[in-house]
């Protein structure tokens, strides 16, 4: 107990120092881990509603935010890692401002976004009561290798889960994890209504294991299926158990609606008889797009959409969602560690939707690579400027009176978002707008 108290005090001091210096969000967690390696197990012990881990390649931040909002609307005290620091030190860092020196978290439930690799490190310290596994796609090949490896990581997380697992019924890499779940652990699925199944290829990797005769299970009344009406409005159907909706999100696109379906299905599993359709609809309709993920910024009276892209599936969905309406566009591609060093995946994305208007500027470490890639798809690029600050200044200056959009990898998004926050008085990283 003394070690935990010292760790919390050290973490709070590190957080204060980090904020003064403008440092990253992981430093307080590193300090706490060094002082008390068993901190996580102690801090998250005995939460009444358990610990939910959200993992998968795409949609973790959005889904985590939606699930936390639904549970709060039902009156639960929810701890989550809102900064998107989806590794164990990031989780600890998120706890520091909310935890007392005794080291116990004052919450009913924890909803934690964790990347596929760090989820297992977390589970080694604290076994989750529930896991929500979203999808598998090629992402950061230098870290995760091919998609079979990523699927294996998620399967191992499911094996460590003690109460309930929610799986994507439409992603065969994820749905077949059902066979790895321990006896007595409840399994539910989320997915899309059969009426829109033709849109699935734009969202996920093709499964080319032709010799495998595995077939997707039939949905039950406890499984949530998405039935969209337009780009923002939809219902989640639970067979004979009823319908949640209509819901109209503030974030548009099929991917956001699938994330909402996953969050709704998980909340329904966790809450059981306490689940309320009206509360779920109210919560989802209030959720703002997460930091940099389809976020709309008022840039001198014109909307600027900041769209995170990080792999072929995600970029394809982003172009289908945001690229269908021609506006002034910028593409910023970095290849830092958090982005993934290997950017060859750009050649698995079709950029034809950008042909009509072209791209104003490519920027970031791989600005010239991105410009070359666009050339192969006959997309005109007006300017190449690797320096993100200079590129943003030119982009805003050249198109002051029209809507704008920036597609960007993670570290490029972080840098641009900081600049935009300073220009327009936006909420800081990890904070929701008021």
Protein backbone atom coordinates (compact mmCIF):
# COMPACT_ATOMS: atom_id res chain seq x y z
CA UNK A 1 0.00 0.00 0.00
CA UNK A 2 2.83 2.42 0.85
CA UNK A 3 4.51 1.65 -2.48
CA UNK A 4 1.23 2.36 -4.31
CA UNK A 5 0.78 5.68 -2.50
CA UNK A 6 4.33 6.70 -3.37
CA UNK A 7 3.71 5.67 -6.99
CA UNK A 8 0.56 7.80 -7.20
CA UNK A 9 2.35 10.82 -5.71
CA UNK A 10 5.25 10.37 -8.13
CA UNK A 11 2.85 10.02 -11.04
CA UNK A 12 0.98 13.19 -10.13
CA UNK A 13 4.28 15.07 -9.92
CA UNK A 14 5.39 13.69 -13.27
CA UNK A 15 2.06 14.68 -14.81
CA UNK A 16 2.39 18.24 -13.56
CA UNK A 17 5.94 18.50 -14.87
CA UNK A 18 4.97 16.95 -18.21
CA UNK A 19 2.10 19.38 -18.71
CA UNK A 20 4.37 22.34 -17.98
CA UNK A 21 6.87 21.13 -20.57
CA UNK A 22 4.23 20.11 -23.13
CA UNK A 23 5.37 16.47 -22.95
CA UNK A 24 3.61 13.28 -23.93
CA UNK A 25 0.82 11.49 -22.10
CA UNK A 26 2.78 8.33 -21.22
CA UNK A 27 5.43 9.76 -18.86
CA UNK A 28 3.34 9.65 -15.65
CA UNK A 29 2.45 6.03 -16.39
CA UNK A 30 6.11 5.14 -16.86
CA UNK A 31 6.99 6.72 -13.52
CA UNK A 32 4.19 4.87 -11.72
CA UNK A 33 5.15 1.52 -13.27
CA UNK A 34 8.75 1.96 -12.18
CA UNK A 35 7.75 2.71 -8.59
CA UNK A 36 4.97 0.08 -8.31
CA UNK A 37 4.93 -2.64 -11.01
CA UNK A 38 1.67 -4.05 -9.54
CA UNK A 39 -0.13 -0.70 -9.67
CA UNK A 40 -2.70 -1.65 -12.32
CA UNK A 41 -3.88 -4.74 -10.47
CA UNK A 42 -4.37 -2.78 -7.27
CA UNK A 43 -6.01 0.29 -8.83
CA UNK A 44 -8.56 -1.66 -10.88
CA UNK A 45 -9.40 -4.30 -8.30
CA UNK A 46 -13.03 -4.82 -7.33
CA UNK A 47 -14.74 -2.46 -9.79
CA UNK A 48 -18.43 -3.42 -9.41
CA UNK A 49 -19.16 -3.63 -13.15
CA UNK A 50 -15.75 -4.86 -14.19
CA UNK A 51 -13.17 -3.93 -16.80
CA UNK A 52 -14.01 -3.71 -20.52
CA UNK A 53 -11.15 -3.78 -23.02
CA UNK A 54 -11.83 -2.49 -26.54
CA UNK A 55 -9.32 -3.66 -29.14
CA UNK A 56 -8.91 -4.22 -32.87
CA UNK A 57 -7.27 -2.43 -35.77
CA UNK A 58 -9.78 0.31 -36.62
CA UNK A 59 -12.32 2.23 -34.56
CA UNK A 60 -11.02 1.70 -31.02
CA UNK A 61 -11.06 5.35 -29.95
CA UNK A 62 -14.50 6.10 -31.36
CA UNK A 63 -16.07 2.90 -30.00
CA UNK A 64 -14.54 3.36 -26.56
CA UNK A 65 -15.90 6.90 -26.37
CA UNK A 66 -19.36 5.74 -27.44
CA UNK A 67 -19.45 2.85 -24.97
CA UNK A 68 -18.33 5.06 -22.09
CA UNK A 69 -21.03 7.60 -23.01
CA UNK A 70 -23.76 4.93 -23.05
CA UNK A 71 -22.75 3.57 -19.64
CA UNK A 72 -22.59 7.06 -18.13
CA UNK A 73 -26.06 7.81 -19.49
CA UNK A 74 -27.20 4.75 -17.53
CA UNK A 75 -25.84 6.31 -14.34
CA UNK A 76 -22.54 4.43 -14.03
CA UNK A 77 -19.29 6.06 -12.97
CA UNK A 78 -16.95 5.25 -15.85
CA UNK A 79 -13.19 5.46 -16.02
CA UNK A 80 -11.72 5.49 -19.51
CA UNK A 81 -8.51 6.52 -21.24
CA UNK A 82 -9.86 9.40 -23.34
CA UNK A 83 -6.54 10.48 -24.80
CA UNK A 84 -6.32 7.38 -26.97
CA UNK A 85 -3.06 6.39 -25.25
CA UNK A 86 -3.87 2.78 -25.93
CA UNK A 87 -1.11 1.02 -24.04
CA UNK A 88 -0.67 0.20 -20.35
CA UNK A 89 1.34 3.29 -19.47
CA UNK A 90 -1.25 5.43 -21.20
CA UNK A 91 -4.00 3.84 -19.12
CA UNK A 92 -2.08 4.54 -15.93
CA UNK A 93 -1.41 8.12 -17.01
CA UNK A 94 -5.14 8.61 -17.56
CA UNK A 95 -5.81 7.38 -14.01
CA UNK A 96 -3.43 9.77 -12.29
CA UNK A 97 -5.70 12.86 -12.15
CA UNK A 98 -8.67 10.74 -10.98
CA UNK A 99 -7.08 8.54 -8.33
CA UNK A 100 -6.48 9.18 -4.63
CA UNK A 101 -3.17 8.51 -2.92
CA UNK A 102 -4.57 5.21 -1.63
CA UNK A 103 -4.40 3.95 -5.18
CA UNK A 104 -7.96 2.71 -5.71
CA UNK A 105 -10.01 4.03 -8.62
CA UNK A 106 -13.39 5.44 -7.63
CA UNK A 107 -15.50 4.07 -10.49
CA UNK A 108 -18.12 1.44 -11.27
CA UNK A 109 -16.55 0.26 -14.50
CA UNK A 110 -13.43 0.81 -16.61
CA UNK A 111 -13.73 1.07 -20.41
CA UNK A 112 -10.24 0.90 -21.87
CA UNK A 113 -8.98 1.25 -25.42
CA UNK A 114 -5.89 -0.91 -25.89
CA UNK A 115 -3.96 -1.77 -29.01
CA UNK A 116 -3.71 -5.40 -29.99
CA UNK A 117 -0.25 -6.00 -28.51
CA UNK A 118 -0.56 -3.96 -25.31
CA UNK A 119 -3.95 -5.50 -24.53
CA UNK A 120 -2.13 -8.73 -23.72
CA UNK A 121 0.36 -6.92 -21.49
CA UNK A 122 -2.59 -5.36 -19.70
CA UNK A 123 -4.36 -8.73 -19.35
CA UNK A 124 -1.20 -10.20 -17.83
CA UNK A 125 -1.58 -7.65 -15.02
CA UNK A 126 -5.40 -7.45 -14.84
CA UNK A 127 -7.71 -9.91 -16.55
CA UNK A 128 -10.59 -8.04 -18.22
CA UNK A 129 -14.13 -9.06 -17.39
CA UNK A 130 -15.29 -8.14 -20.90
CA UNK A 131 -13.61 -7.70 -24.28
CA UNK A 132 -14.94 -6.01 -27.41
CA UNK A 133 -12.97 -7.10 -30.48
CA UNK A 134 -13.64 -4.93 -33.50
CA UNK A 135 -11.74 -6.04 -36.60
CA UNK A 136 -8.43 -7.11 -38.10
CA UNK A 137 -6.64 -5.20 -40.87
CA UNK A 138 -3.09 -4.67 -42.07
CA UNK A 139 -1.73 -1.95 -39.85
CA UNK A 140 1.83 -1.01 -38.88
CA UNK A 141 3.35 -4.07 -40.53
CA UNK A 142 6.68 -3.39 -38.84
CA UNK A 143 4.99 -3.91 -35.44
CA UNK A 144 2.20 -6.40 -36.03
CA UNK A 145 3.37 -8.30 -39.13
CA UNK A 146 0.51 -9.80 -41.13
CA UNK A 147 -3.14 -9.97 -40.17
CA UNK A 148 -3.04 -13.57 -38.95
CA UNK A 149 -0.67 -12.42 -36.22
CA UNK A 150 -3.00 -9.58 -35.23
CA UNK A 151 -5.93 -12.02 -35.11
CA UNK A 152 -3.86 -14.28 -32.86
CA UNK A 153 -3.25 -11.40 -30.45
CA UNK A 154 -7.00 -10.70 -30.22
CA UNK A 155 -7.73 -14.40 -29.72
CA UNK A 156 -5.32 -14.49 -26.80
CA UNK A 157 -7.08 -11.49 -25.28
CA UNK A 158 -10.41 -13.31 -25.59
CA UNK A 159 -8.88 -16.30 -23.80
CA UNK A 160 -7.97 -14.05 -20.86
CA UNK A 161 -11.46 -12.54 -20.56
CA UNK A 162 -13.53 -13.80 -17.65
CA UNK A 163 -17.12 -12.63 -18.20
CA UNK A 164 -18.14 -11.78 -21.77
CA UNK A 165 -16.71 -11.28 -25.26
CA UNK A 166 -18.31 -9.29 -28.11
CA UNK A 167 -17.11 -10.19 -31.62
CA UNK A 168 -17.54 -8.76 -35.12
CA UNK A 169 -19.70 -11.34 -36.91
CA UNK A 170 -18.76 -9.96 -40.34
CA UNK A 171 -14.99 -10.16 -39.84
CA UNK A 172 -14.07 -13.82 -40.18
CA UNK A 173 -10.72 -13.27 -38.46
CA UNK A 174 -12.59 -12.01 -35.40
CA UNK A 175 -15.79 -14.08 -35.49
CA UNK A 176 -13.88 -17.37 -35.44
CA UNK A 177 -12.27 -16.33 -32.13
CA UNK A 178 -15.47 -17.78 -30.63
CA UNK A 179 -13.70 -21.13 -30.52
CA UNK A 180 -11.00 -19.71 -28.25
CA UNK A 181 -13.34 -18.29 -25.58
CA UNK A 182 -13.34 -20.17 -22.29
CA UNK A 183 -16.35 -22.21 -21.18
CA UNK A 184 -18.84 -20.14 -19.21
CA UNK A 185 -17.84 -16.84 -20.83
CA UNK A 186 -20.77 -15.25 -22.67
CA UNK A 187 -20.30 -14.46 -26.38
CA UNK A 188 -22.29 -11.95 -28.42
CA UNK A 189 -21.83 -10.53 -31.89
CA UNK A 190 -22.30 -7.22 -33.66
CA UNK A 191 -22.45 -6.65 -37.41
CA UNK A 192 -24.47 -5.25 -40.28
CA UNK A 193 -27.96 -6.15 -41.43
CA UNK A 194 -27.92 -8.51 -44.43
CA UNK A 195 -29.53 -5.79 -46.53
CA UNK A 196 -26.22 -3.85 -46.62
CA UNK A 197 -23.80 -6.78 -46.70
CA UNK A 198 -22.56 -5.69 -50.13
CA UNK A 199 -20.76 -2.78 -48.43
CA UNK A 200 -18.61 -5.03 -46.25
CA UNK A 201 -15.64 -5.27 -48.67
CA UNK A 202 -14.95 -1.56 -48.23
CA UNK A 203 -14.60 -2.02 -44.48
CA UNK A 204 -12.44 -5.09 -43.96
CA UNK A 205 -9.76 -7.38 -45.24
CA UNK A 206 -10.63 -10.22 -47.59
CA UNK A 207 -10.20 -13.65 -46.04
CA UNK A 208 -8.34 -15.72 -48.65
CA UNK A 209 -8.14 -18.96 -46.69
CA UNK A 210 -10.14 -20.81 -49.33
CA UNK A 211 -9.39 -24.22 -47.93
CA UNK A 212 -11.16 -23.32 -44.70
CA UNK A 213 -14.86 -24.25 -44.63
CA UNK A 214 -15.59 -22.02 -41.62
CA UNK A 215 -18.96 -20.24 -41.82
CA UNK A 216 -20.23 -17.25 -39.87
CA UNK A 217 -22.74 -18.05 -37.11
CA UNK A 218 -26.38 -17.02 -37.41
CA UNK A 219 -27.22 -13.94 -35.31
CA UNK A 220 -29.29 -14.44 -32.16
CA UNK A 221 -31.63 -12.05 -30.37
CA UNK A 222 -28.73 -10.83 -28.24
CA UNK A 223 -26.62 -9.81 -31.23
CA UNK A 224 -26.79 -6.23 -32.57
CA UNK A 225 -27.16 -5.63 -36.31
CA UNK A 226 -26.80 -2.23 -37.95
CA UNK A 227 -29.56 -1.01 -40.27
CA UNK A 228 -28.60 2.44 -41.65
CA UNK A 229 -31.02 5.01 -43.07
CA UNK A 230 -28.44 7.55 -44.35
CA UNK A 231 -24.89 8.72 -43.56
CA UNK A 232 -25.69 9.48 -39.92
CA UNK A 233 -29.04 7.90 -39.01
CA UNK A 234 -29.52 4.21 -38.24
CA UNK A 235 -31.05 1.55 -35.99
CA UNK A 236 -29.46 -1.32 -34.09
CA UNK A 237 -31.70 -4.38 -34.26
CA UNK A 238 -31.64 -7.17 -31.70
CA UNK A 239 -33.98 -9.69 -33.30
CA UNK A 240 -37.00 -10.34 -31.11
CA UNK A 241 -35.48 -8.28 -28.27
CA UNK A 242 -36.22 -4.99 -30.00
CA UNK A 243 -34.66 -2.04 -31.78
CA UNK A 244 -32.40 0.74 -30.52
CA UNK A 245 -33.04 3.86 -32.56
CA UNK A 246 -33.40 5.70 -34.71
CA UNK A 247 -30.04 7.24 -33.80
CA UNK A 248 -28.45 10.20 -35.55
CA UNK A 249 -24.73 10.54 -34.94
CA UNK A 250 -22.65 13.72 -35.08
CA UNK A 251 -19.99 11.73 -36.92
CA UNK A 252 -20.96 10.54 -40.37
CA UNK A 253 -20.22 7.37 -42.25
CA UNK A 254 -20.78 3.62 -42.12
CA UNK A 255 -17.71 2.99 -39.98
CA UNK A 256 -18.98 5.29 -37.22
CA UNK A 257 -22.36 3.54 -37.27
CA UNK A 258 -20.70 0.14 -36.97
CA UNK A 259 -18.69 1.44 -34.02
CA UNK A 260 -21.94 2.59 -32.41
CA UNK A 261 -23.46 -0.85 -33.03
CA UNK A 262 -20.48 -2.51 -31.34
CA UNK A 263 -20.74 -0.17 -28.36
CA UNK A 264 -24.50 -0.71 -28.06
CA UNK A 265 -24.17 -4.49 -28.19
CA UNK A 266 -21.49 -4.45 -25.49
CA UNK A 267 -23.51 -2.14 -23.25
CA UNK A 268 -26.54 -4.39 -23.62
CA UNK A 269 -24.47 -7.40 -22.59
CA UNK A 270 -22.96 -5.63 -19.59
CA UNK A 271 -26.14 -3.97 -18.31
CA UNK A 272 -28.57 -6.84 -18.87
CA UNK A 273 -31.99 -5.95 -17.51
CA UNK A 274 -30.78 -2.42 -16.69
CA UNK A 275 -30.20 -1.61 -20.37
CA UNK A 276 -32.46 1.19 -21.66
CA UNK A 277 -32.93 1.93 -25.35
CA UNK A 278 -33.82 5.59 -24.79
CA UNK A 279 -30.71 6.24 -22.70
CA UNK A 280 -28.54 4.58 -25.33
CA UNK A 281 -29.98 6.73 -28.13
CA UNK A 282 -29.55 9.89 -26.06
CA UNK A 283 -25.94 9.05 -25.28
CA UNK A 284 -24.92 8.23 -28.84
CA UNK A 285 -26.52 11.37 -30.24
CA UNK A 286 -24.43 13.55 -27.91
CA UNK A 287 -21.04 11.98 -28.67
CA UNK A 288 -18.69 14.37 -30.43
CA UNK A 289 -16.28 12.89 -33.01
CA UNK A 290 -13.09 11.96 -31.19
CA UNK A 291 -9.99 14.08 -31.49
CA UNK A 292 -8.89 14.05 -35.15
CA UNK A 293 -11.27 11.27 -36.25
CA UNK A 294 -13.68 13.06 -38.53
CA UNK A 295 -13.56 16.05 -36.21
CA UNK A 296 -14.94 19.24 -37.76
CA UNK A 297 -13.07 22.42 -36.90
CA UNK A 298 -14.36 25.93 -37.53
CA UNK A 299 -11.46 27.45 -39.46
CA UNK A 300 -12.27 31.14 -39.92
CA UNK A 301 -15.92 30.43 -40.60
CA UNK A 302 -15.40 27.40 -42.85
CA UNK A 303 -15.49 23.73 -41.81
CA UNK A 304 -12.21 21.83 -41.79
CA UNK A 305 -12.49 18.06 -41.37
CA UNK A 306 -9.51 16.31 -39.79
CA UNK A 307 -9.56 12.63 -40.80
CA UNK A 308 -7.17 10.04 -39.36
CA UNK A 309 -5.95 7.36 -41.80
CA UNK A 310 -3.52 4.57 -40.97
CA UNK A 311 -4.06 1.49 -43.13
CA UNK A 312 -5.73 0.46 -46.42
CA UNK A 313 -9.12 -0.36 -44.90
CA UNK A 314 -9.23 2.84 -42.86
CA UNK A 315 -8.17 5.10 -45.73
CA UNK A 316 -10.63 3.43 -48.09
CA UNK A 317 -13.47 3.98 -45.63
CA UNK A 318 -12.37 7.58 -45.07
CA UNK A 319 -12.35 8.30 -48.80
CA UNK A 320 -15.77 6.69 -49.18
CA UNK A 321 -17.16 8.67 -46.27
CA UNK A 322 -15.46 12.04 -46.64
CA UNK A 323 -13.95 12.02 -50.13
CA UNK A 324 -17.21 11.76 -52.07
CA UNK A 325 -17.81 15.52 -51.82
CA UNK A 326 -14.98 17.41 -53.54
CA UNK A 327 -13.45 20.06 -51.29
CA UNK A 328 -9.98 21.54 -50.90
CA UNK A 329 -7.90 18.60 -49.67
CA UNK A 330 -4.54 18.07 -48.04
CA UNK A 331 -2.88 14.71 -47.35
CA UNK A 332 -0.23 14.47 -44.60
CA UNK A 333 1.70 11.20 -44.28
CA UNK A 334 4.37 10.49 -41.66
CA UNK A 335 6.27 7.27 -41.10
CA UNK A 336 7.19 7.66 -37.44
CA UNK A 337 6.97 4.70 -35.05
CA UNK A 338 3.38 5.47 -34.05
CA UNK A 339 2.36 5.62 -37.72
CA UNK A 340 4.19 2.48 -38.83
CA UNK A 341 7.42 2.74 -40.77
CA UNK A 342 6.17 0.82 -43.81
CA UNK A 343 3.86 2.99 -45.93
CA UNK A 344 3.67 0.63 -48.91
CA UNK A 345 0.05 0.10 -47.92
CA UNK A 346 -0.77 3.36 -49.71
CA UNK A 347 -0.62 1.39 -52.95
CA UNK A 348 -3.56 -0.74 -51.78
CA UNK A 349 -5.84 2.31 -51.60
CA UNK A 350 -7.73 3.70 -54.59
CA UNK A 351 -7.64 7.51 -54.72
CA UNK A 352 -9.93 7.89 -57.74
CA UNK A 353 -12.51 9.79 -55.67
CA UNK A 354 -10.01 12.66 -55.38
CA UNK A 355 -9.52 13.08 -59.14
CA UNK A 356 -12.29 15.63 -59.72
CA UNK A 357 -10.84 18.30 -57.44
CA UNK A 358 -7.30 17.03 -56.98
CA UNK A 359 -5.19 17.54 -53.85
CA UNK A 360 -3.96 20.98 -52.87
CA UNK A 361 -0.94 19.90 -50.81
CA UNK A 362 0.80 16.71 -49.73
CA UNK A 363 2.86 17.05 -46.58
CA UNK A 364 4.66 15.16 -43.84
CA UNK A 365 7.76 12.99 -43.89
CA UNK A 366 6.41 11.04 -46.87
CA UNK A 367 4.98 14.04 -48.74
CA UNK A 368 6.78 13.17 -51.99
CA UNK A 369 5.85 9.49 -51.72
CA UNK A 370 2.21 10.48 -51.31
CA UNK A 371 2.37 12.81 -54.30
CA UNK A 372 3.85 10.02 -56.41
CA UNK A 373 1.15 7.60 -55.27
CA UNK A 374 -1.57 10.08 -56.27
CA UNK A 375 0.06 10.53 -59.66
CA UNK A 376 -0.44 6.83 -60.37
CA UNK A 377 -4.19 7.35 -59.87
CA UNK A 378 -4.20 10.50 -62.04
CA UNK A 379 -4.91 12.76 -59.06
CA UNK A 380 -3.40 16.19 -59.58
CA UNK A 381 -1.28 17.60 -56.73
CA UNK A 382 -0.76 21.34 -56.70
CA UNK A 383 2.08 21.49 -54.17
CA UNK A 384 4.40 19.28 -52.09
CA UNK A 385 5.55 20.71 -48.76
CA UNK A 386 7.04 18.23 -46.23
CA UNK A 387 6.97 20.74 -43.36
CA UNK A 388 3.57 20.36 -41.70
CA UNK A 389 3.46 23.86 -40.21
CA UNK A 390 4.24 25.51 -43.52
CA UNK A 391 1.83 23.25 -45.39
CA UNK A 392 -1.04 24.03 -43.02
CA UNK A 393 -0.40 27.76 -43.25
CA UNK A 394 -0.44 27.64 -47.05
CA UNK A 395 -3.52 25.42 -47.11
CA UNK A 396 -5.53 27.73 -44.86
CA UNK A 397 -4.34 30.84 -46.69
CA UNK A 398 -4.99 29.52 -50.19
CA UNK A 399 -8.57 28.35 -49.49
CA UNK A 400 -10.04 30.80 -46.96
CA UNK A 401 -13.62 30.79 -48.24
CA UNK A 402 -14.43 27.11 -48.78
CA UNK A 403 -14.67 23.84 -46.85
CA UNK A 404 -11.41 21.96 -46.34
CA UNK A 405 -10.33 18.43 -45.44
CA UNK A 406 -7.06 16.94 -44.24
CA UNK A 407 -6.34 13.19 -44.40
CA UNK A 408 -3.44 12.43 -42.06
CA UNK A 409 -1.57 9.65 -40.29
CA UNK A 410 -1.41 9.63 -36.50
CA UNK A 411 1.67 11.73 -35.75
CA UNK A 412 0.84 14.13 -38.57
CA UNK A 413 -2.67 14.49 -37.12
CA UNK A 414 -1.24 15.18 -33.65
CA UNK A 415 1.05 17.92 -34.96
CA UNK A 416 -1.62 19.53 -37.12
CA UNK A 417 -4.20 19.34 -34.33
CA UNK A 418 -1.87 21.13 -31.92
CA UNK A 419 -1.37 23.90 -34.47
CA UNK A 420 -5.11 24.15 -35.12
CA UNK A 421 -5.83 24.19 -31.38
CA UNK A 422 -3.48 27.14 -30.93
CA UNK A 423 -5.00 28.98 -33.90
CA UNK A 424 -8.66 28.47 -33.06
CA UNK A 425 -8.80 27.91 -29.30
CA UNK A 426 -9.79 24.24 -29.49
CA UNK A 427 -9.87 21.72 -26.67
CA UNK A 428 -6.50 20.14 -25.96
CA UNK A 429 -5.55 16.53 -26.59
CA UNK A 430 -7.69 14.22 -24.48
CA UNK A 431 -10.27 16.89 -23.64
CA UNK A 432 -13.79 17.09 -25.00
CA UNK A 433 -15.03 20.42 -26.31
CA UNK A 434 -17.35 22.25 -23.95
